[in-house]
C-alpha atoms as a PDB file:
ATOM      1  CA  MET A   1     -24.240 183.976 121.355  1.00  0.00           C
ATOM      2  CA  GLU A   2     -25.987 187.087 120.246  1.00  0.00           C
ATOM      3  CA  LYS A   3     -27.176 189.874 122.603  1.00  0.00           C
ATOM      4  CA  ASP A   4     -30.697 189.071 123.992  1.00  0.00           C
ATOM      5  CA  ILE A   5     -33.719 191.158 122.814  1.00  0.00           C
ATOM      6  CA  SER A   6     -34.487 193.664 125.516  1.00  0.00           C
ATOM      7  CA  ARG A   7     -37.737 193.214 127.509  1.00  0.00           C
ATOM      8  CA  ASN A   8     -37.487 196.499 129.220  1.00  0.00           C
ATOM      9  CA  VAL A   9     -38.590 198.590 126.367  1.00  0.00           C
ATOM     10  CA  PRO A  10     -42.045 199.291 125.043  1.00  0.00           C
ATOM     11  CA  ILE A  11     -41.117 197.641 121.600  1.00  0.00           C
ATOM     12  CA  SER A  12     -42.583 194.123 120.689  1.00  0.00           C
ATOM     13  CA  LEU A  13     -39.855 191.385 120.841  1.00  0.00           C
ATOM     14  CA  TYR A  14     -40.495 190.346 117.340  1.00  0.00           C
ATOM     15  CA  TYR A  15     -40.024 193.738 116.043  1.00  0.00           C
ATOM     16  CA  GLN A  16     -36.682 194.144 117.871  1.00  0.00           C
ATOM     17  CA  LEU A  17     -35.685 190.714 116.388  1.00  0.00           C
ATOM     18  CA  LYS A  18     -36.641 191.780 112.919  1.00  0.00           C
ATOM     19  CA  GLU A  19     -34.488 194.901 113.199  1.00  0.00           C
ATOM     20  CA  GLU A  20     -31.669 192.909 114.340  1.00  0.00           C
ATOM     21  CA  LEU A  21     -31.939 190.421 111.578  1.00  0.00           C
ATOM     22  CA  MET A  22     -32.245 193.338 109.092  1.00  0.00           C
ATOM     23  CA  LYS A  23     -29.002 194.768 110.328  1.00  0.00           C
ATOM     24  CA  LYS A  24     -27.279 191.487 109.313  1.00  0.00           C
ATOM     25  CA  LEU A  25     -28.726 191.784 105.950  1.00  0.00           C
ATOM     26  CA  ILE A  26     -27.784 195.331 105.314  1.00  0.00           C
ATOM     27  CA  SER A  27     -24.349 194.964 106.617  1.00  0.00           C
ATOM     28  CA  LYS A  28     -23.858 191.777 104.511  1.00  0.00           C
ATOM     29  CA  GLN A  29     -23.023 189.534 107.366  1.00  0.00           C
ATOM     30  CA  TRP A  30     -25.719 187.362 105.695  1.00  0.00           C
ATOM     31  CA  LEU A  31     -24.960 187.352 101.912  1.00  0.00           C
ATOM     32  CA  PRO A  32     -27.492 186.947  99.210  1.00  0.00           C
ATOM     33  CA  GLY A  33     -28.316 183.247  98.611  1.00  0.00           C
ATOM     34  CA  GLU A  34     -26.959 182.304 102.098  1.00  0.00           C
ATOM     35  CA  LYS A  35     -28.944 180.111 104.421  1.00  0.00           C
ATOM     36  CA  ILE A  36     -29.649 181.809 107.644  1.00  0.00           C
ATOM     37  CA  PRO A  37     -29.706 180.021 111.136  1.00  0.00           C
ATOM     38  CA  SER A  38     -32.687 177.856 111.844  1.00  0.00           C
ATOM     39  CA  GLU A  39     -35.600 178.931 114.003  1.00  0.00           C
ATOM     40  CA  LYS A  40     -34.177 176.903 116.875  1.00  0.00           C
ATOM     41  CA  GLU A  41     -30.769 178.509 116.569  1.00  0.00           C
ATOM     42  CA  LEU A  42     -32.261 182.010 116.343  1.00  0.00           C
ATOM     43  CA  CYS A  43     -34.195 181.369 119.669  1.00  0.00           C
ATOM     44  CA  GLN A  44     -31.053 180.351 121.254  1.00  0.00           C
ATOM     45  CA  MET A  45     -29.015 183.330 119.831  1.00  0.00           C
ATOM     46  CA  TYR A  46     -31.571 185.879 120.798  1.00  0.00           C
ATOM     47  CA  GLY A  47     -33.178 184.389 123.874  1.00  0.00           C
ATOM     48  CA  VAL A  48     -36.707 184.591 122.482  1.00  0.00           C
ATOM     49  CA  SER A  49     -39.481 182.081 121.703  1.00  0.00           C
ATOM     50  CA  ARG A  50     -40.191 180.325 118.493  1.00  0.00           C
ATOM     51  CA  ILE A  51     -43.273 182.241 118.025  1.00  0.00           C
ATOM     52  CA  THR A  52     -41.442 185.537 118.143  1.00  0.00           C
ATOM     53  CA  VAL A  53     -38.846 184.150 115.648  1.00  0.00           C
ATOM     54  CA  ARG A  54     -41.611 183.046 113.153  1.00  0.00           C
ATOM     55  CA  LYS A  55     -43.284 186.278 113.385  1.00  0.00           C
ATOM     56  CA  ALA A  56     -40.012 188.182 112.534  1.00  0.00           C
ATOM     57  CA  LEU A  57     -39.154 185.807 109.819  1.00  0.00           C
ATOM     58  CA  ASP A  58     -42.679 186.005 108.312  1.00  0.00           C
ATOM     59  CA  GLU A  59     -42.411 189.785 108.007  1.00  0.00           C
ATOM     60  CA  LEU A  60     -38.997 189.510 106.393  1.00  0.00           C
ATOM     61  CA  GLU A  61     -40.317 187.110 103.956  1.00  0.00           C
ATOM     62  CA  ARG A  62     -43.332 189.255 103.126  1.00  0.00           C
ATOM     63  CA  SER A  63     -41.076 192.181 102.602  1.00  0.00           C
ATOM     64  CA  GLY A  64     -38.903 190.106 100.091  1.00  0.00           C
ATOM     65  CA  HIS A  65     -35.818 190.003 102.109  1.00  0.00           C
ATOM     66  CA  LEU A  66     -35.786 186.285 102.893  1.00  0.00           C
ATOM     67  CA  VAL A  67     -37.305 183.273 101.172  1.00  0.00           C
ATOM     68  CA  ARG A  68     -38.308 179.893 102.765  1.00  0.00           C
ATOM     69  CA  ARG A  69     -37.649 176.692 100.881  1.00  0.00           C
ATOM     70  CA  GLN A  70     -39.617 173.715 102.131  1.00  0.00           C
ATOM     71  CA  GLY A  71     -37.321 171.120 103.679  1.00  0.00           C
ATOM     72  CA  LYS A  72     -34.163 173.270 103.089  1.00  0.00           C
ATOM     73  CA  GLY A  73     -34.426 176.133 105.388  1.00  0.00           C
ATOM     74  CA  THR A  74     -34.564 180.021 105.026  1.00  0.00           C
ATOM     75  CA  PHE A  75     -32.344 181.911 102.736  1.00  0.00           C
ATOM     76  CA  VAL A  76     -31.419 185.530 101.994  1.00  0.00           C
ATOM     77  CA  THR A  77     -32.969 186.612  98.634  1.00  0.00           C
ATOM     78  CA  ASN A  78     -30.331 186.315  95.981  1.00  0.00           C
ATOM     79  CA  ILE A  79     -31.749 188.374  93.071  1.00  0.00           C
ATOM     80  CA  SER A  80     -32.623 192.009  92.937  1.00  0.00           C
ATOM     81  CA  MET A  81     -32.734 193.413  89.507  1.00  0.00           C
ATOM     82  CA  GLU A  82     -33.670 196.860  88.395  1.00  0.00           C
ATOM     83  CA  GLN A  83     -35.421 197.014  84.998  1.00  0.00           C
ATOM     84  CA  ARG A  84     -35.712 200.397  83.180  1.00  0.00           C
ATOM     85  CA  LEU A  85     -38.745 200.573  81.163  1.00  0.00           C
ATOM     86  CA  SER A  86     -37.482 203.042  78.510  1.00  0.00           C
ATOM     87  CA  LYS A  87     -36.708 200.422  75.827  1.00  0.00           C
ATOM     88  CA  PHE A  88     -37.751 196.919  74.418  1.00  0.00           C
ATOM     89  CA  TYR A  89     -36.217 194.326  76.849  1.00  0.00           C
ATOM     90  CA  SER A  90     -36.099 190.648  77.403  1.00  0.00           C
ATOM     91  CA  PHE A  91     -35.946 189.066  80.748  1.00  0.00           C
ATOM     92  CA  SER A  92     -33.506 186.393  79.460  1.00  0.00           C
ATOM     93  CA  GLU A  93     -31.195 188.903  77.962  1.00  0.00           C
ATOM     94  CA  GLU A  94     -31.138 191.135  80.837  1.00  0.00           C
ATOM     95  CA  LEU A  95     -30.364 188.268  83.298  1.00  0.00           C
ATOM     96  CA  LYS A  96     -27.662 186.922  80.835  1.00  0.00           C
ATOM     97  CA  GLN A  97     -26.028 190.377  80.946  1.00  0.00           C
ATOM     98  CA  ARG A  98     -25.722 190.331  84.633  1.00  0.00           C
ATOM     99  CA  GLY A  99     -24.011 186.934  84.567  1.00  0.00           C
ATOM    100  CA  LEU A 100     -27.078 184.927  85.919  1.00  0.00           C
ATOM    101  CA  GLN A 101     -28.056 181.619  84.433  1.00  0.00           C
ATOM    102  CA  GLU A 102     -31.842 181.353  83.550  1.00  0.00           C
ATOM    103  CA  HIS A 103     -33.662 178.214  83.113  1.00  0.00           C
ATOM    104  CA  CYS A 104     -37.169 177.899  81.596  1.00  0.00           C
ATOM    105  CA  ARG A 105     -39.709 174.985  82.201  1.00  0.00           C
ATOM    106  CA  ILE A 106     -42.470 174.606  79.895  1.00  0.00           C
ATOM    107  CA  ILE A 107     -45.815 173.855  81.895  1.00  0.00           C
ATOM    108  CA  GLN A 108     -48.189 173.864  78.868  1.00  0.00           C
ATOM    109  CA  PHE A 109     -47.915 174.254  75.223  1.00  0.00           C
ATOM    110  CA  ASP A 110     -51.215 173.744  73.255  1.00  0.00           C
ATOM    111  CA  GLN A 111     -53.181 175.130  70.396  1.00  0.00           C
ATOM    112  CA  VAL A 112     -56.525 176.533  71.802  1.00  0.00           C
ATOM    113  CA  PRO A 113     -59.373 178.866  70.583  1.00  0.00           C
ATOM    114  CA  ALA A 114     -58.940 182.381  71.774  1.00  0.00           C
ATOM    115  CA  THR A 115     -61.172 183.598  74.543  1.00  0.00           C
ATOM    116  CA  ASN A 116     -62.664 186.944  74.338  1.00  0.00           C
ATOM    117  CA  GLU A 117     -59.989 188.664  76.450  1.00  0.00           C
ATOM    118  CA  VAL A 118     -57.146 187.103  74.430  1.00  0.00           C
ATOM    119  CA  ALA A 119     -58.784 187.799  71.120  1.00  0.00           C
ATOM    120  CA  ALA A 120     -59.315 191.435  72.071  1.00  0.00           C
ATOM    121  CA  SER A 121     -55.602 191.784  73.116  1.00  0.00           C
ATOM    122  CA  LEU A 122     -54.401 190.154  69.795  1.00  0.00           C
ATOM    123  CA  GLY A 123     -56.741 191.795  67.480  1.00  0.00           C
ATOM    124  CA  LEU A 124     -58.386 188.432  66.643  1.00  0.00           C
ATOM    125  CA  GLU A 125     -61.861 187.103  66.501  1.00  0.00           C
ATOM    126  CA  PRO A 126     -63.000 185.114  69.394  1.00  0.00           C
ATOM    127  CA  LEU A 127     -62.260 181.301  68.930  1.00  0.00           C
ATOM    128  CA  ASP A 128     -59.457 181.980  66.374  1.00  0.00           C
ATOM    129  CA  PRO A 129     -56.653 179.453  67.134  1.00  0.00           C
ATOM    130  CA  VAL A 130     -53.731 180.726  69.287  1.00  0.00           C
ATOM    131  CA  PHE A 131     -50.827 178.850  70.839  1.00  0.00           C
ATOM    132  CA  LYS A 132     -50.922 178.905  74.597  1.00  0.00           C
ATOM    133  CA  LEU A 133     -47.564 178.746  76.231  1.00  0.00           C
ATOM    134  CA  THR A 134     -47.163 178.548  80.090  1.00  0.00           C
ATOM    135  CA  ARG A 135     -43.707 178.833  81.404  1.00  0.00           C
ATOM    136  CA  LEU A 136     -42.038 178.663  84.749  1.00  0.00           C
ATOM    137  CA  ARG A 137     -38.792 180.783  84.629  1.00  0.00           C
ATOM    138  CA  LEU A 138     -35.895 180.254  87.162  1.00  0.00           C
ATOM    139  CA  VAL A 139     -32.685 181.926  87.943  1.00  0.00           C
ATOM    140  CA  ASP A 140     -30.001 179.546  89.431  1.00  0.00           C
ATOM    141  CA  LEU A 141     -32.963 177.010  89.955  1.00  0.00           C
ATOM    142  CA  THR A 142     -35.011 179.701  91.946  1.00  0.00           C
ATOM    143  CA  PRO A 143     -38.405 180.489  90.312  1.00  0.00           C
ATOM    144  CA  TYR A 144     -38.891 184.100  89.587  1.00  0.00           C
ATOM    145  CA  THR A 145     -41.917 184.311  87.253  1.00  0.00           C
ATOM    146  CA  LEU A 146     -44.852 182.214  85.967  1.00  0.00           C
ATOM    147  CA  GLU A 147     -45.985 183.511  82.516  1.00  0.00           C
ATOM    148  CA  THR A 148     -48.616 182.606  79.919  1.00  0.00           C
ATOM    149  CA  SER A 149     -48.150 183.734  76.401  1.00  0.00           C
ATOM    150  CA  TYR A 150     -50.711 183.627  73.514  1.00  0.00           C
ATOM    151  CA  ILE A 151     -49.484 183.780  69.924  1.00  0.00           C
ATOM    152  CA  PRO A 152     -51.721 183.693  66.801  1.00  0.00           C
ATOM    153  CA  VAL A 153     -51.171 180.319  65.005  1.00  0.00           C
ATOM    154  CA  ALA A 154     -51.494 182.492  61.760  1.00  0.00           C
ATOM    155  CA  VAL A 155     -48.351 184.514  62.764  1.00  0.00           C
ATOM    156  CA  CYS A 156     -45.896 181.639  63.622  1.00  0.00           C
ATOM    157  CA  PRO A 157     -47.515 178.270  62.405  1.00  0.00           C
ATOM    158  CA  SER A 158     -44.306 176.314  62.876  1.00  0.00           C
ATOM    159  CA  LEU A 159     -43.960 176.916  66.620  1.00  0.00           C
ATOM    160  CA  THR A 160     -43.347 173.761  68.594  1.00  0.00           C
ATOM    161  CA  GLU A 161     -42.716 173.022  72.233  1.00  0.00           C
ATOM    162  CA  GLU A 162     -39.403 171.594  71.342  1.00  0.00           C
ATOM    163  CA  VAL A 163     -38.221 174.502  69.315  1.00  0.00           C
ATOM    164  CA  ILE A 164     -39.250 176.885  72.043  1.00  0.00           C
ATOM    165  CA  SER A 165     -37.471 174.695  74.637  1.00  0.00           C
ATOM    166  CA  THR A 166     -34.352 174.962  72.653  1.00  0.00           C
ATOM    167  CA  LYS A 167     -34.328 178.511  71.376  1.00  0.00           C
ATOM    168  CA  GLY A 168     -36.687 180.317  73.513  1.00  0.00           C
ATOM    169  CA  LEU A 169     -39.920 182.040  72.320  1.00  0.00           C
ATOM    170  CA  TYR A 170     -38.631 185.145  70.560  1.00  0.00           C
ATOM    171  CA  ASN A 171     -35.874 183.340  68.675  1.00  0.00           C
ATOM    172  CA  SER A 172     -38.328 180.735  67.660  1.00  0.00           C
ATOM    173  CA  MET A 173     -40.565 183.365  66.205  1.00  0.00           C
ATOM    174  CA  ARG A 174     -37.604 185.031  64.360  1.00  0.00           C
ATOM    175  CA  ALA A 175     -37.223 181.714  62.592  1.00  0.00           C
ATOM    176  CA  ASP A 176     -40.737 182.300  61.083  1.00  0.00           C
ATOM    177  CA  GLY A 177     -39.546 185.786  59.940  1.00  0.00           C
ATOM    178  CA  VAL A 178     -41.482 187.514  62.884  1.00  0.00           C
ATOM    179  CA  TYR A 179     -39.290 189.953  64.799  1.00  0.00           C
ATOM    180  CA  PRO A 180     -40.594 191.547  68.140  1.00  0.00           C
ATOM    181  CA  ASP A 181     -39.714 195.136  68.021  1.00  0.00           C
ATOM    182  CA  ARG A 182     -42.221 197.031  70.402  1.00  0.00           C
ATOM    183  CA  VAL A 183     -44.252 196.245  73.416  1.00  0.00           C
ATOM    184  CA  ILE A 184     -46.840 197.771  75.541  1.00  0.00           C
ATOM    185  CA  GLU A 185     -46.758 196.568  79.077  1.00  0.00           C
ATOM    186  CA  LYS A 186     -49.011 197.155  82.107  1.00  0.00           C
ATOM    187  CA  PHE A 187     -48.174 196.123  85.631  1.00  0.00           C
ATOM    188  CA  ARG A 188     -49.878 196.167  88.993  1.00  0.00           C
ATOM    189  CA  ALA A 189     -49.299 194.937  92.583  1.00  0.00           C
ATOM    190  CA  THR A 190     -50.654 191.512  93.427  1.00  0.00           C
ATOM    191  CA  VAL A 191     -49.912 188.582  95.662  1.00  0.00           C
ATOM    192  CA  ILE A 192     -48.849 185.010  95.148  1.00  0.00           C
ATOM    193  CA  ARG A 193     -52.094 182.782  94.793  1.00  0.00           C
ATOM    194  CA  LYS A 194     -52.428 179.095  95.546  1.00  0.00           C
ATOM    195  CA  ALA A 195     -51.788 177.759  92.081  1.00  0.00           C
ATOM    196  CA  GLU A 196     -48.800 179.912  91.634  1.00  0.00           C
ATOM    197  CA  ALA A 197     -47.414 179.224  95.098  1.00  0.00           C
ATOM    198  CA  GLU A 198     -47.516 175.472  94.345  1.00  0.00           C
ATOM    199  CA  LEU A 199     -45.677 175.840  90.950  1.00  0.00           C
ATOM    200  CA  MET A 200     -43.140 178.415  92.277  1.00  0.00           C
ATOM    201  CA  GLY A 201     -42.545 176.886  95.689  1.00  0.00           C
ATOM    202  CA  LEU A 202     -43.659 180.152  97.373  1.00  0.00           C
ATOM    203  CA  LYS A 203     -45.890 181.170 100.176  1.00  0.00           C
ATOM    204  CA  ILE A 204     -49.408 182.145  99.438  1.00  0.00           C
ATOM    205  CA  GLY A 205     -49.836 185.935  99.770  1.00  0.00           C
ATOM    206  CA  MET A 206     -46.191 186.868  99.061  1.00  0.00           C
ATOM    207  CA  PRO A 207     -45.967 190.235  97.210  1.00  0.00           C
ATOM    208  CA  ALA A 208     -45.793 190.063  93.411  1.00  0.00           C
ATOM    209  CA  MET A 209     -46.236 192.097  90.296  1.00  0.00           C
ATOM    210  CA  HIS A 210     -48.822 191.158  87.606  1.00  0.00           C
ATOM    211  CA  LEU A 211     -47.792 192.030  83.992  1.00  0.00           C
ATOM    212  CA  GLU A 212     -49.711 192.172  80.901  1.00  0.00           C
ATOM    213  CA  ARG A 213     -47.612 192.460  77.886  1.00  0.00           C
ATOM    214  CA  VAL A 214     -48.666 193.010  74.209  1.00  0.00           C
ATOM    215  CA  THR A 215     -45.808 192.518  71.659  1.00  0.00           C
ATOM    216  CA  TYR A 216     -45.777 193.812  68.140  1.00  0.00           C
ATOM    217  CA  PHE A 217     -43.845 193.313  64.870  1.00  0.00           C
ATOM    218  CA  GLY A 218     -44.476 196.470  63.030  1.00  0.00           C
ATOM    219  CA  VAL A 219     -48.238 197.079  63.244  1.00  0.00           C
ATOM    220  CA  ARG A 220     -48.950 193.364  63.767  1.00  0.00           C
ATOM    221  CA  THR A 221     -49.858 192.001  67.266  1.00  0.00           C
ATOM    222  CA  ILE A 222     -47.774 188.951  67.699  1.00  0.00           C
ATOM    223  CA  GLU A 223     -48.187 188.102  71.526  1.00  0.00           C
ATOM    224  CA  TYR A 224     -50.233 188.524  74.511  1.00  0.00           C
ATOM    225  CA  CYS A 225     -48.522 187.696  77.753  1.00  0.00           C
ATOM    226  CA  SER A 226     -49.849 187.517  81.353  1.00  0.00           C
ATOM    227  CA  SER A 227     -47.124 187.000  84.126  1.00  0.00           C
ATOM    228  CA  VAL A 228     -46.776 186.952  87.721  1.00  0.00           C
ATOM    229  CA  VAL A 229     -43.317 188.131  88.980  1.00  0.00           C
ATOM    230  CA  ARG A 230     -41.940 187.752  92.363  1.00  0.00           C
ATOM    231  CA  GLY A 231     -41.919 191.134  93.997  1.00  0.00           C
ATOM    232  CA  ASP A 232     -38.472 190.550  95.654  1.00  0.00           C
ATOM    233  CA  PHE A 233     -36.817 190.012  92.217  1.00  0.00           C
ATOM    234  CA  PHE A 234     -37.364 193.037  90.266  1.00  0.00           C
ATOM    235  CA  THR A 235     -37.582 196.815  90.483  1.00  0.00           C
ATOM    236  CA  TYR A 236     -39.162 198.610  87.693  1.00  0.00           C
ATOM    237  CA  THR A 237     -37.798 202.148  86.753  1.00  0.00           C
ATOM    238  CA  VAL A 238     -39.759 204.257  84.370  1.00  0.00           C
ATOM    239  CA  GLU A 239     -37.537 206.862  82.567  1.00  0.00           C
ATOM    240  CA  LEU A 240     -39.280 210.074  81.511  1.00  0.00           C
ATOM    241  CA  ARG A 241     -37.708 212.480  78.870  1.00  0.00           C
END
């Protein structure tokens, strides 16, 4: 049994518990991907109420250290990847280099008329035809980003859901003689919203990053992408020279 949380100090019980749990995370007593004790077990280990345990776990989940999986329990976050923003990069390739297995689930693939926002980002006229591709990307079956890409039909007319599922988007574009070679990316802090939470199996309000990416082949705009990335999966580093 763990040492009881002190009731004789002017520090809230949940905060003391959170600090005790953080020590286990920092010292690697609980390893990335590992399931931690249940709420009931933590109550018994530290001599506190379930309300106290839940509040401590809520804070550790909001800070990205833990993740709750419905019906399975609470786990230590198992991915923390630093991405340097000094060159063109691909999430898939970066993950592969780190020995991580990525899976991609296509949620939607349709040909649609470009909205004003999409048309402006792609240098098209409103209502010009574009492919809309929404994908849920997972690492070791854990969702880490939900992204929607728009590609002008005139740029890659032979794109199909089957080809993208097999080869990935950029490799499929290369088959049409289109080679992504430059991006402009904007990112800002956000939170997981209801629709994203349902698809990613996350809690509404969890911290996340919103990315807007415009991809080029030479001077031609070939993709506009809007993504929501889990805040506990990636750290972005900007290199200035």
